[in-house]
Amino acid sequence: MRSRVLTLVALIAVLGGIVSWRLGIFQPGVSADTKLGAAAPALPLKTLDGKDLKLDEYRRNKDGKPVPVIIAVWSYECPSGRSAMGRYAELAKAAEAKGAKFIGVCAYGESPDELAAYARKNGIAYTMAYDEGAKAAKALGAQVVTATFVIDADGKLVYKGGIGGGGEKWPEAALDEVLAGKPVSKAETKARG
């Protein structure tokens, strides 16, 4: 009987941690879930070398002109994050080819050193940032670790959801529509974590 009670307590603790991360309960004082069409929040991110990454500065090209940014919230410790790594590399290249920017945001709890080592080992070439306490993920409204967001050149959140599957490439479609000056036709999809 005692072993069953201990097992039940351990299970509740694990599930509580998962629910807390998914719902952002453990992040007091952080505004949740930026609405589509609203200005993107000032995300509290750090680059892998420990410098602050200010989204408003990052989303400018070398001429200082604002450009769209695709933000991928992921983790290499999460199975869905590991399986999305190739897709995110593809998405980063597509963004760059179209004059936009891409950033991978790790919000699952790996340390900056672990993240930097993983990036080196796996040849990740796109900009990566560390999201301590998942504050940026929460501010964007990420409900699962593998979530994708598109911010237009005006700094507004225009897409949130998944990376697509079965031939669908939702973030690229959103980026194409933004670059063409059109509203995003499929602004929200289900992110799968």
Protein backbone atom coordinates (compact mmCIF):
# COMPACT_ATOMS: atom_id res chain seq x y z
CA MET A 1 0.00 0.00 0.00
CA ARG A 2 2.79 2.43 0.93
CA SER A 3 4.54 1.89 -2.42
CA ARG A 4 1.29 2.65 -4.27
CA VAL A 5 0.87 5.89 -2.32
CA LEU A 6 4.48 6.91 -3.06
CA THR A 7 4.00 6.07 -6.74
CA LEU A 8 0.82 8.13 -6.83
CA VAL A 9 2.53 11.09 -5.13
CA ALA A 10 5.43 10.91 -7.62
CA LEU A 11 3.01 10.74 -10.55
CA ILE A 12 1.07 13.76 -9.27
CA ALA A 13 4.33 15.71 -8.88
CA VAL A 14 5.43 14.90 -12.44
CA LEU A 15 2.04 15.69 -13.95
CA GLY A 16 1.84 18.87 -11.89
CA GLY A 17 5.18 19.99 -13.32
CA ILE A 18 4.03 19.30 -16.87
CA VAL A 19 0.73 21.11 -16.37
CA SER A 20 2.54 24.03 -14.70
CA TRP A 21 4.87 24.40 -17.69
CA ARG A 22 2.09 24.09 -20.24
CA LEU A 23 -0.08 26.63 -18.48
CA GLY A 24 2.72 28.89 -17.29
CA ILE A 25 1.52 28.78 -13.69
CA PHE A 26 5.05 28.95 -12.32
CA GLN A 27 5.77 32.30 -13.97
CA PRO A 28 4.30 34.99 -11.74
CA GLY A 29 4.22 38.52 -13.11
CA VAL A 30 4.57 37.52 -16.76
CA SER A 31 1.80 38.61 -19.08
CA ALA A 32 0.38 35.67 -20.91
CA ASP A 33 -0.60 34.97 -24.44
CA THR A 34 -0.04 37.90 -26.77
CA LYS A 35 -3.10 38.17 -28.97
CA LEU A 36 -2.88 37.98 -32.74
CA GLY A 37 -2.57 41.47 -34.21
CA ALA A 38 -1.10 42.89 -31.00
CA ALA A 39 2.42 44.24 -30.67
CA ALA A 40 4.93 41.53 -29.86
CA PRO A 41 6.15 41.76 -26.27
CA ALA A 42 9.69 42.73 -25.34
CA LEU A 43 10.94 39.19 -24.90
CA PRO A 44 13.43 38.59 -22.06
CA LEU A 45 15.95 36.58 -24.08
CA LYS A 46 19.68 36.01 -23.87
CA THR A 47 21.95 34.86 -26.66
CA LEU A 48 24.12 31.83 -26.05
CA ASP A 49 27.05 34.12 -25.20
CA GLY A 50 24.99 35.70 -22.42
CA LYS A 51 24.04 38.99 -24.09
CA ASP A 52 20.51 40.40 -23.96
CA LEU A 53 18.65 39.90 -27.22
CA LYS A 54 16.24 42.76 -27.74
CA LEU A 55 13.55 41.76 -30.24
CA ASP A 56 13.04 45.32 -31.49
CA GLU A 57 16.72 45.55 -32.43
CA TYR A 58 16.98 41.96 -33.70
CA ARG A 59 14.10 42.39 -36.12
CA ARG A 60 15.99 45.00 -38.14
CA ASN A 61 18.15 44.26 -41.17
CA LYS A 62 21.68 45.65 -41.57
CA ASP A 63 20.22 48.88 -43.02
CA GLY A 64 18.09 49.35 -39.89
CA LYS A 65 14.83 48.58 -41.68
CA PRO A 66 12.35 46.44 -39.70
CA VAL A 67 11.74 42.98 -41.16
CA PRO A 68 9.49 40.06 -40.17
CA VAL A 69 10.81 37.54 -37.66
CA ILE A 70 9.92 33.89 -37.19
CA ILE A 71 10.34 32.68 -33.62
CA ALA A 72 10.53 28.97 -32.86
CA VAL A 73 10.09 27.88 -29.24
CA TRP A 74 11.65 24.45 -28.91
CA SER A 75 13.82 22.14 -26.82
CA TYR A 76 16.24 19.45 -27.81
CA GLU A 77 15.20 17.56 -24.67
CA CYS A 78 11.63 17.32 -25.92
CA PRO A 79 10.90 14.57 -28.49
CA SER A 80 8.83 16.96 -30.63
CA GLY A 81 11.66 19.51 -30.51
CA ARG A 82 14.24 16.97 -31.62
CA SER A 83 12.02 15.81 -34.46
CA ALA A 84 11.48 19.43 -35.58
CA MET A 85 15.17 20.36 -35.76
CA GLY A 86 15.49 19.70 -39.50
CA ARG A 87 12.27 21.56 -40.18
CA TYR A 88 13.44 24.57 -38.16
CA ALA A 89 16.74 24.65 -40.06
CA GLU A 90 14.71 24.65 -43.30
CA LEU A 91 12.45 27.40 -41.96
CA ALA A 92 15.44 29.53 -40.92
CA LYS A 93 16.92 29.27 -44.43
CA ALA A 94 13.58 30.18 -46.02
CA ALA A 95 13.24 33.24 -43.76
CA GLU A 96 16.76 34.41 -44.56
CA ALA A 97 16.25 33.93 -48.31
CA LYS A 98 13.18 36.18 -48.12
CA GLY A 99 14.93 38.92 -46.14
CA ALA A 100 13.32 37.98 -42.83
CA LYS A 101 14.93 36.71 -39.64
CA PHE A 102 14.59 33.56 -37.57
CA ILE A 103 15.36 32.80 -33.97
CA GLY A 104 15.24 29.54 -32.06
CA VAL A 105 14.19 30.05 -28.45
CA CYS A 106 14.94 27.32 -25.93
CA ALA A 107 12.38 27.51 -23.15
CA TYR A 108 12.42 24.06 -21.61
CA GLY A 109 15.15 24.40 -19.03
CA GLU A 110 18.43 23.42 -20.65
CA SER A 111 21.26 25.61 -19.43
CA PRO A 112 22.88 28.10 -21.84
CA ASP A 113 26.05 25.96 -21.82
CA GLU A 114 24.11 22.80 -22.67
CA LEU A 115 22.27 24.63 -25.43
CA ALA A 116 25.51 26.05 -26.89
CA ALA A 117 27.11 22.59 -26.85
CA TYR A 118 24.07 21.10 -28.58
CA ALA A 119 24.15 23.84 -31.24
CA ARG A 120 27.85 23.26 -31.93
CA LYS A 121 27.49 19.48 -32.03
CA ASN A 122 24.53 19.64 -34.43
CA GLY A 123 25.73 22.49 -36.66
CA ILE A 124 22.83 24.82 -35.87
CA ALA A 125 23.54 27.98 -37.82
CA TYR A 126 20.54 30.15 -36.97
CA THR A 127 20.35 32.54 -34.03
CA MET A 128 19.48 30.82 -30.80
CA ALA A 129 18.42 32.29 -27.48
CA TYR A 130 17.91 31.06 -23.96
CA ASP A 131 14.57 31.77 -22.32
CA GLU A 132 15.14 31.56 -18.57
CA GLY A 133 11.99 30.50 -16.79
CA ALA A 134 10.15 30.29 -20.14
CA LYS A 135 9.08 33.93 -19.69
CA ALA A 136 9.26 34.73 -23.42
CA ALA A 137 7.41 31.53 -24.34
CA LYS A 138 4.69 32.42 -21.88
CA ALA A 139 4.45 36.02 -23.13
CA LEU A 140 3.99 34.73 -26.68
CA GLY A 141 1.39 32.22 -25.57
CA ALA A 142 3.31 29.02 -26.25
CA GLN A 143 1.23 26.15 -24.88
CA VAL A 144 3.77 23.47 -25.83
CA VAL A 145 7.51 23.45 -26.37
CA THR A 146 7.44 23.17 -30.15
CA ALA A 147 5.53 26.32 -31.13
CA THR A 148 6.15 28.84 -33.92
CA PHE A 149 5.34 32.54 -34.18
CA VAL A 150 5.59 35.11 -36.98
CA ILE A 151 5.98 38.79 -36.19
CA ASP A 152 5.53 41.22 -39.07
CA ALA A 153 7.77 44.19 -39.89
CA ASP A 154 5.51 46.45 -37.80
CA GLY A 155 6.22 44.27 -34.76
CA LYS A 156 2.79 42.65 -34.58
CA LEU A 157 2.14 38.98 -33.91
CA VAL A 158 0.47 37.66 -37.08
CA TYR A 159 0.85 33.87 -36.77
CA LYS A 160 1.08 31.37 -33.96
CA GLY A 161 0.94 27.63 -33.99
CA GLY A 162 2.65 24.67 -35.56
CA ILE A 163 5.36 24.28 -38.16
CA GLY A 164 3.09 22.38 -40.52
CA GLY A 165 3.04 18.84 -41.66
CA GLY A 166 1.85 16.71 -44.52
CA GLY A 167 3.09 19.24 -47.03
CA GLU A 168 1.66 22.22 -45.11
CA LYS A 169 4.16 24.97 -44.33
CA TRP A 170 2.10 27.39 -42.27
CA PRO A 171 4.88 29.72 -41.04
CA GLU A 172 6.27 30.15 -44.57
CA ALA A 173 2.79 30.84 -45.92
CA ALA A 174 2.25 33.46 -43.20
CA LEU A 175 5.63 35.02 -44.01
CA ASP A 176 4.85 35.10 -47.74
CA GLU A 177 1.52 36.82 -47.10
CA VAL A 178 3.12 39.38 -44.76
CA LEU A 179 5.83 40.14 -47.32
CA ALA A 180 3.16 40.56 -50.02
CA GLY A 181 1.29 43.04 -47.82
CA LYS A 182 -1.66 40.68 -47.34
CA PRO A 183 -3.36 39.59 -44.13
CA VAL A 184 -2.36 36.13 -42.92
CA SER A 185 -5.11 33.76 -44.04
CA LYS A 186 -4.30 30.99 -41.55
CA ALA A 187 -3.12 32.99 -38.54
CA GLU A 188 -3.45 30.26 -35.92
CA THR A 189 -2.86 26.53 -36.07
CA LYS A 190 -2.33 23.83 -33.49
CA ALA A 191 1.22 23.48 -32.21
CA ARG A 192 2.05 19.93 -31.31
CA GLY A 193 4.39 19.33 -28.42
